[in-house]
Amino acid sequence: MNKIALVVLAAGYSKRMGQPKQLLPWRNSTLLGSVIKNTFSVEADEIFVVLGAHNNEIKEKTDLSQTIILINENWQQGLGSSIAFAIAEIDKNYPDINAVLFVLADQPFISQHHLNAIIELHNKEKEAIIITRKEDYRGVPVLFPRKFFSELILLSNDEGAKQIINRNKSEVREVITQDNVVDIDTFESYTELHRVN
């Protein structure tokens, strides 16, 4: 059976925000809470949340009861280290997981419909990397099948997995989305987006 893990990356310090952006109010929850709630309607077998900075505060204020929490002690090294850490944990402790779908904690507009469309394509093309596309944007959410785990485990910087995607262009497929793919990096962008939602 083809088993898929969904991993929410939420370990960052939010330096430009000046406060933990994971806990900013969003709809009737928080930014992270809203993203996690959305994942419950996705056809994934396990949901993981990678925490790092502010993890005690986040655990206190966020319902993570339906997720598996991973604490990345090296969160300062950036997104790449959280991806590598999550993959290492899944590779070691969940050998029946065949693919991982990465979602960012600060992309609140990504719909369950889009995430399920990525999984649907994966079920047809089990060896492909599947990325999100909107106009000029190509990136996260992104799904990697198990055959790329050994490359993902080597990531360490803030680059994320772009280098792996670029190295394997012939194996990349795209799912086009109508969702807003913006990630919220500054308090100004949060205020603006929160005001219209």
C-alpha atoms as a PDB file:
ATOM      1  CA  MET A   1       0.000   0.000   0.000  1.00  0.00           C
ATOM      2  CA  ASN A   2       1.173   3.496  -0.886  1.00  0.00           C
ATOM      3  CA  LYS A   3       1.504   5.475   2.384  1.00  0.00           C
ATOM      4  CA  ILE A   4       2.020   9.229   2.440  1.00  0.00           C
ATOM      5  CA  ALA A   5       3.216  11.499   5.241  1.00  0.00           C
ATOM      6  CA  LEU A   6       2.314  15.176   5.302  1.00  0.00           C
ATOM      7  CA  VAL A   7       4.936  17.327   7.050  1.00  0.00           C
ATOM      8  CA  VAL A   8       4.129  20.870   8.224  1.00  0.00           C
ATOM      9  CA  LEU A   9       7.376  22.861   8.519  1.00  0.00           C
ATOM     10  CA  ALA A  10       6.989  25.222  11.487  1.00  0.00           C
ATOM     11  CA  ALA A  11      10.428  25.406  13.151  1.00  0.00           C
ATOM     12  CA  GLY A  12      11.474  28.925  12.152  1.00  0.00           C
ATOM     13  CA  TYR A  13      12.265  31.799  14.486  1.00  0.00           C
ATOM     14  CA  SER A  14      10.240  34.418  12.520  1.00  0.00           C
ATOM     15  CA  LYS A  15      13.097  36.937  12.769  1.00  0.00           C
ATOM     16  CA  ARG A  16      11.531  39.418  10.358  1.00  0.00           C
ATOM     17  CA  MET A  17       8.170  39.141  12.134  1.00  0.00           C
ATOM     18  CA  GLY A  18       9.518  40.010  15.587  1.00  0.00           C
ATOM     19  CA  GLN A  19       7.258  37.400  17.245  1.00  0.00           C
ATOM     20  CA  PRO A  20       6.368  33.717  16.612  1.00  0.00           C
ATOM     21  CA  LYS A  21       4.367  33.920  13.417  1.00  0.00           C
ATOM     22  CA  GLN A  22       3.082  30.389  14.010  1.00  0.00           C
ATOM     23  CA  LEU A  23       0.904  31.869  16.808  1.00  0.00           C
ATOM     24  CA  LEU A  24      -0.467  34.936  15.019  1.00  0.00           C
ATOM     25  CA  PRO A  25      -4.297  34.981  15.055  1.00  0.00           C
ATOM     26  CA  TRP A  26      -5.762  33.615  11.800  1.00  0.00           C
ATOM     27  CA  ARG A  27      -9.458  33.079  11.153  1.00  0.00           C
ATOM     28  CA  ASN A  28     -10.693  31.423  14.365  1.00  0.00           C
ATOM     29  CA  SER A  29      -7.315  29.888  15.192  1.00  0.00           C
ATOM     30  CA  THR A  30      -3.636  30.752  14.682  1.00  0.00           C
ATOM     31  CA  LEU A  31      -1.576  30.694  11.506  1.00  0.00           C
ATOM     32  CA  LEU A  32      -0.155  27.258  12.355  1.00  0.00           C
ATOM     33  CA  GLY A  33      -3.431  25.983  13.813  1.00  0.00           C
ATOM     34  CA  SER A  34      -5.267  26.958  10.631  1.00  0.00           C
ATOM     35  CA  VAL A  35      -2.731  25.179   8.384  1.00  0.00           C
ATOM     36  CA  ILE A  36      -2.836  22.031  10.568  1.00  0.00           C
ATOM     37  CA  LYS A  37      -6.651  21.984  10.617  1.00  0.00           C
ATOM     38  CA  ASN A  38      -6.628  22.143   6.829  1.00  0.00           C
ATOM     39  CA  THR A  39      -4.373  19.047   6.642  1.00  0.00           C
ATOM     40  CA  PHE A  40      -6.946  16.870   8.425  1.00  0.00           C
ATOM     41  CA  SER A  41      -9.006  16.713   5.216  1.00  0.00           C
ATOM     42  CA  VAL A  42      -6.019  15.631   3.127  1.00  0.00           C
ATOM     43  CA  GLU A  43      -5.568  12.027   2.007  1.00  0.00           C
ATOM     44  CA  ALA A  44      -2.360  11.525   4.004  1.00  0.00           C
ATOM     45  CA  ASP A  45      -1.685   8.607   6.357  1.00  0.00           C
ATOM     46  CA  GLU A  46       0.342  10.502   8.982  1.00  0.00           C
ATOM     47  CA  ILE A  47       0.651  14.209   9.783  1.00  0.00           C
ATOM     48  CA  PHE A  48       3.924  15.472  11.257  1.00  0.00           C
ATOM     49  CA  VAL A  49       4.682  18.962  12.550  1.00  0.00           C
ATOM     50  CA  VAL A  50       8.332  20.059  12.751  1.00  0.00           C
ATOM     51  CA  LEU A  51       8.859  22.571  15.563  1.00  0.00           C
ATOM     52  CA  GLY A  52      12.054  24.297  16.687  1.00  0.00           C
ATOM     53  CA  ALA A  53      12.102  27.914  17.879  1.00  0.00           C
ATOM     54  CA  HIS A  54       9.391  28.761  20.448  1.00  0.00           C
ATOM     55  CA  ASN A  55       8.363  25.078  20.509  1.00  0.00           C
ATOM     56  CA  ASN A  56       7.150  25.061  24.139  1.00  0.00           C
ATOM     57  CA  GLU A  57       4.927  28.082  23.586  1.00  0.00           C
ATOM     58  CA  ILE A  58       3.580  26.628  20.340  1.00  0.00           C
ATOM     59  CA  LYS A  59       2.818  23.256  21.981  1.00  0.00           C
ATOM     60  CA  GLU A  60       0.965  25.080  24.765  1.00  0.00           C
ATOM     61  CA  LYS A  61      -1.176  27.199  22.445  1.00  0.00           C
ATOM     62  CA  THR A  62      -1.790  24.859  19.481  1.00  0.00           C
ATOM     63  CA  ASP A  63      -3.833  21.662  19.304  1.00  0.00           C
ATOM     64  CA  LEU A  64      -1.281  19.155  18.014  1.00  0.00           C
ATOM     65  CA  SER A  65      -3.092  16.096  19.385  1.00  0.00           C
ATOM     66  CA  GLN A  66      -3.761  14.590  15.956  1.00  0.00           C
ATOM     67  CA  THR A  67      -0.200  15.098  14.732  1.00  0.00           C
ATOM     68  CA  ILE A  68       3.224  13.611  15.399  1.00  0.00           C
ATOM     69  CA  ILE A  69       5.522  16.330  16.787  1.00  0.00           C
ATOM     70  CA  LEU A  70       9.171  16.431  15.725  1.00  0.00           C
ATOM     71  CA  ILE A  71      11.511  18.910  17.470  1.00  0.00           C
ATOM     72  CA  ASN A  72      14.402  20.111  15.312  1.00  0.00           C
ATOM     73  CA  GLU A  73      17.115  21.215  17.759  1.00  0.00           C
ATOM     74  CA  ASN A  74      19.117  22.664  14.822  1.00  0.00           C
ATOM     75  CA  TRP A  75      16.322  24.932  13.594  1.00  0.00           C
ATOM     76  CA  GLN A  76      18.773  27.888  13.383  1.00  0.00           C
ATOM     77  CA  GLN A  77      20.315  26.202  10.329  1.00  0.00           C
ATOM     78  CA  GLY A  78      17.167  26.944   8.361  1.00  0.00           C
ATOM     79  CA  LEU A  79      14.514  25.186   6.341  1.00  0.00           C
ATOM     80  CA  GLY A  80      16.879  22.628   4.815  1.00  0.00           C
ATOM     81  CA  SER A  81      17.775  21.270   8.240  1.00  0.00           C
ATOM     82  CA  SER A  82      14.082  20.830   9.138  1.00  0.00           C
ATOM     83  CA  ILE A  83      13.452  18.931   5.900  1.00  0.00           C
ATOM     84  CA  ALA A  84      16.513  16.702   6.497  1.00  0.00           C
ATOM     85  CA  PHE A  85      15.523  16.106  10.125  1.00  0.00           C
ATOM     86  CA  ALA A  86      11.927  15.152   9.260  1.00  0.00           C
ATOM     87  CA  ILE A  87      13.045  12.783   6.500  1.00  0.00           C
ATOM     88  CA  ALA A  88      15.639  11.116   8.765  1.00  0.00           C
ATOM     89  CA  GLU A  89      12.976  10.515  11.443  1.00  0.00           C
ATOM     90  CA  ILE A  90      10.435   9.173   8.945  1.00  0.00           C
ATOM     91  CA  ASP A  91      13.034   7.013   7.176  1.00  0.00           C
ATOM     92  CA  LYS A  92      14.112   5.455  10.480  1.00  0.00           C
ATOM     93  CA  ASN A  93      10.805   5.072  12.306  1.00  0.00           C
ATOM     94  CA  TYR A  94       8.186   4.822   9.538  1.00  0.00           C
ATOM     95  CA  PRO A  95       9.662   2.494   6.886  1.00  0.00           C
ATOM     96  CA  ASP A  96       6.232   1.981   5.287  1.00  0.00           C
ATOM     97  CA  ILE A  97       5.966   5.674   4.282  1.00  0.00           C
ATOM     98  CA  ASN A  98       6.524   5.924   0.508  1.00  0.00           C
ATOM     99  CA  ALA A  99       6.356   9.695   0.011  1.00  0.00           C
ATOM    100  CA  VAL A 100       6.402  12.957   1.955  1.00  0.00           C
ATOM    101  CA  LEU A 101       4.347  16.056   1.160  1.00  0.00           C
ATOM    102  CA  PHE A 102       5.867  19.227   2.636  1.00  0.00           C
ATOM    103  CA  VAL A 103       3.633  22.153   3.610  1.00  0.00           C
ATOM    104  CA  LEU A 104       4.759  25.507   5.076  1.00  0.00           C
ATOM    105  CA  ALA A 105       3.204  26.811   8.299  1.00  0.00           C
ATOM    106  CA  ASP A 106       3.011  30.323   6.810  1.00  0.00           C
ATOM    107  CA  GLN A 107       1.068  29.528   3.609  1.00  0.00           C
ATOM    108  CA  PRO A 108      -2.473  29.700   5.036  1.00  0.00           C
ATOM    109  CA  PHE A 109      -4.270  29.959   1.686  1.00  0.00           C
ATOM    110  CA  ILE A 110      -3.190  26.571   0.357  1.00  0.00           C
ATOM    111  CA  SER A 111      -6.380  24.494   0.181  1.00  0.00           C
ATOM    112  CA  GLN A 112      -6.974  20.856   1.011  1.00  0.00           C
ATOM    113  CA  HIS A 113      -8.192  20.535  -2.598  1.00  0.00           C
ATOM    114  CA  HIS A 114      -4.728  21.467  -3.903  1.00  0.00           C
ATOM    115  CA  LEU A 115      -2.932  19.136  -1.469  1.00  0.00           C
ATOM    116  CA  ASN A 116      -5.222  16.272  -2.466  1.00  0.00           C
ATOM    117  CA  ALA A 117      -4.549  17.034  -6.149  1.00  0.00           C
ATOM    118  CA  ILE A 118      -0.798  16.595  -5.484  1.00  0.00           C
ATOM    119  CA  ILE A 119      -1.463  13.247  -3.782  1.00  0.00           C
ATOM    120  CA  GLU A 120      -3.759  12.187  -6.629  1.00  0.00           C
ATOM    121  CA  LEU A 121      -0.997  12.836  -9.161  1.00  0.00           C
ATOM    122  CA  HIS A 122       1.501  10.994  -6.941  1.00  0.00           C
ATOM    123  CA  ASN A 123      -0.773   7.938  -6.959  1.00  0.00           C
ATOM    124  CA  LYS A 124      -0.473   7.920 -10.767  1.00  0.00           C
ATOM    125  CA  GLU A 125       3.222   8.862 -10.940  1.00  0.00           C
ATOM    126  CA  LYS A 126       4.755   7.327  -7.848  1.00  0.00           C
ATOM    127  CA  GLU A 127       8.397   8.114  -8.690  1.00  0.00           C
ATOM    128  CA  ALA A 128       7.969  11.807  -9.573  1.00  0.00           C
ATOM    129  CA  ILE A 129       8.695  14.919  -7.510  1.00  0.00           C
ATOM    130  CA  ILE A 130       5.479  16.958  -7.544  1.00  0.00           C
ATOM    131  CA  ILE A 131       5.642  20.723  -7.068  1.00  0.00           C
ATOM    132  CA  THR A 132       3.086  23.528  -6.850  1.00  0.00           C
ATOM    133  CA  ARG A 133       2.842  25.981  -9.701  1.00  0.00           C
ATOM    134  CA  LYS A 134       1.088  29.310 -10.029  1.00  0.00           C
ATOM    135  CA  GLU A 135       2.154  31.676 -12.820  1.00  0.00           C
ATOM    136  CA  ASP A 136       5.892  32.241 -12.162  1.00  0.00           C
ATOM    137  CA  TYR A 137       5.847  30.469  -8.798  1.00  0.00           C
ATOM    138  CA  ARG A 138       7.170  26.927  -8.586  1.00  0.00           C
ATOM    139  CA  GLY A 139       7.692  25.471  -5.138  1.00  0.00           C
ATOM    140  CA  VAL A 140       6.069  24.352  -1.898  1.00  0.00           C
ATOM    141  CA  PRO A 141       3.821  22.457  -1.246  1.00  0.00           C
ATOM    142  CA  VAL A 142       6.031  19.771  -2.754  1.00  0.00           C
ATOM    143  CA  LEU A 143       5.949  15.971  -2.626  1.00  0.00           C
ATOM    144  CA  PHE A 144       9.013  13.733  -2.736  1.00  0.00           C
ATOM    145  CA  PRO A 145       8.843   9.959  -3.170  1.00  0.00           C
ATOM    146  CA  ARG A 146      11.101   7.735  -1.029  1.00  0.00           C
ATOM    147  CA  LYS A 147      13.789   7.401  -3.698  1.00  0.00           C
ATOM    148  CA  PHE A 148      14.821  11.028  -2.970  1.00  0.00           C
ATOM    149  CA  PHE A 149      15.051  10.576   0.816  1.00  0.00           C
ATOM    150  CA  SER A 150      18.816   9.964   0.705  1.00  0.00           C
ATOM    151  CA  GLU A 151      19.314  13.363  -1.003  1.00  0.00           C
ATOM    152  CA  LEU A 152      16.883  15.186   1.299  1.00  0.00           C
ATOM    153  CA  ILE A 153      18.667  13.888   4.416  1.00  0.00           C
ATOM    154  CA  LEU A 154      21.819  15.750   3.297  1.00  0.00           C
ATOM    155  CA  LEU A 155      20.171  19.203   3.279  1.00  0.00           C
ATOM    156  CA  SER A 156      21.475  21.598   5.907  1.00  0.00           C
ATOM    157  CA  ASN A 157      21.083  25.250   4.929  1.00  0.00           C
ATOM    158  CA  ASP A 158      18.170  27.603   4.317  1.00  0.00           C
ATOM    159  CA  GLU A 159      17.923  26.710   0.632  1.00  0.00           C
ATOM    160  CA  GLY A 160      15.219  24.134   1.130  1.00  0.00           C
ATOM    161  CA  ALA A 161      14.986  21.408  -1.490  1.00  0.00           C
ATOM    162  CA  LYS A 162      15.272  23.609  -4.615  1.00  0.00           C
ATOM    163  CA  GLN A 163      18.676  22.163  -5.502  1.00  0.00           C
ATOM    164  CA  ILE A 164      17.252  18.617  -5.553  1.00  0.00           C
ATOM    165  CA  ILE A 165      14.338  19.733  -7.737  1.00  0.00           C
ATOM    166  CA  ASN A 166      16.741  21.507 -10.131  1.00  0.00           C
ATOM    167  CA  ARG A 167      19.011  18.449 -10.314  1.00  0.00           C
ATOM    168  CA  ASN A 168      16.129  16.149 -11.234  1.00  0.00           C
ATOM    169  CA  LYS A 169      14.116  18.297 -13.655  1.00  0.00           C
ATOM    170  CA  SER A 170      13.092  15.362 -15.854  1.00  0.00           C
ATOM    171  CA  GLU A 171      11.388  13.749 -12.854  1.00  0.00           C
ATOM    172  CA  VAL A 172       9.450  16.845 -11.751  1.00  0.00           C
ATOM    173  CA  ARG A 173       5.715  17.214 -12.346  1.00  0.00           C
ATOM    174  CA  GLU A 174       3.601  20.282 -11.568  1.00  0.00           C
ATOM    175  CA  VAL A 175       0.134  20.760 -10.120  1.00  0.00           C
ATOM    176  CA  ILE A 176      -1.252  24.178 -11.029  1.00  0.00           C
ATOM    177  CA  THR A 177      -3.162  25.919  -8.258  1.00  0.00           C
ATOM    178  CA  GLN A 178      -5.552  28.860  -8.084  1.00  0.00           C
ATOM    179  CA  ASP A 179      -4.722  29.266  -4.371  1.00  0.00           C
ATOM    180  CA  ASN A 180      -2.762  32.239  -3.088  1.00  0.00           C
ATOM    181  CA  VAL A 181       0.772  30.819  -2.637  1.00  0.00           C
ATOM    182  CA  VAL A 182       2.100  33.789  -0.647  1.00  0.00           C
ATOM    183  CA  ASP A 183       4.022  32.993   2.521  1.00  0.00           C
ATOM    184  CA  ILE A 184       3.743  35.480   5.360  1.00  0.00           C
ATOM    185  CA  ASP A 185       7.180  36.832   6.280  1.00  0.00           C
ATOM    186  CA  THR A 186       6.670  40.281   7.760  1.00  0.00           C
ATOM    187  CA  PHE A 187       4.161  41.811  10.152  1.00  0.00           C
ATOM    188  CA  GLU A 188       3.115  44.222   7.375  1.00  0.00           C
ATOM    189  CA  SER A 189       2.235  41.352   5.017  1.00  0.00           C
ATOM    190  CA  TYR A 190       0.400  39.551   7.854  1.00  0.00           C
ATOM    191  CA  THR A 191      -1.631  42.674   8.717  1.00  0.00           C
ATOM    192  CA  GLU A 192      -2.565  43.267   5.098  1.00  0.00           C
ATOM    193  CA  LEU A 193      -3.581  39.639   4.436  1.00  0.00           C
ATOM    194  CA  HIS A 194      -5.328  39.195   7.795  1.00  0.00           C
ATOM    195  CA  ARG A 195      -7.385  42.331   7.183  1.00  0.00           C
ATOM    196  CA  VAL A 196      -8.911  40.914   3.972  1.00  0.00           C
ATOM    197  CA  ASN A 197      -9.588  37.457   5.429  1.00  0.00           C
END
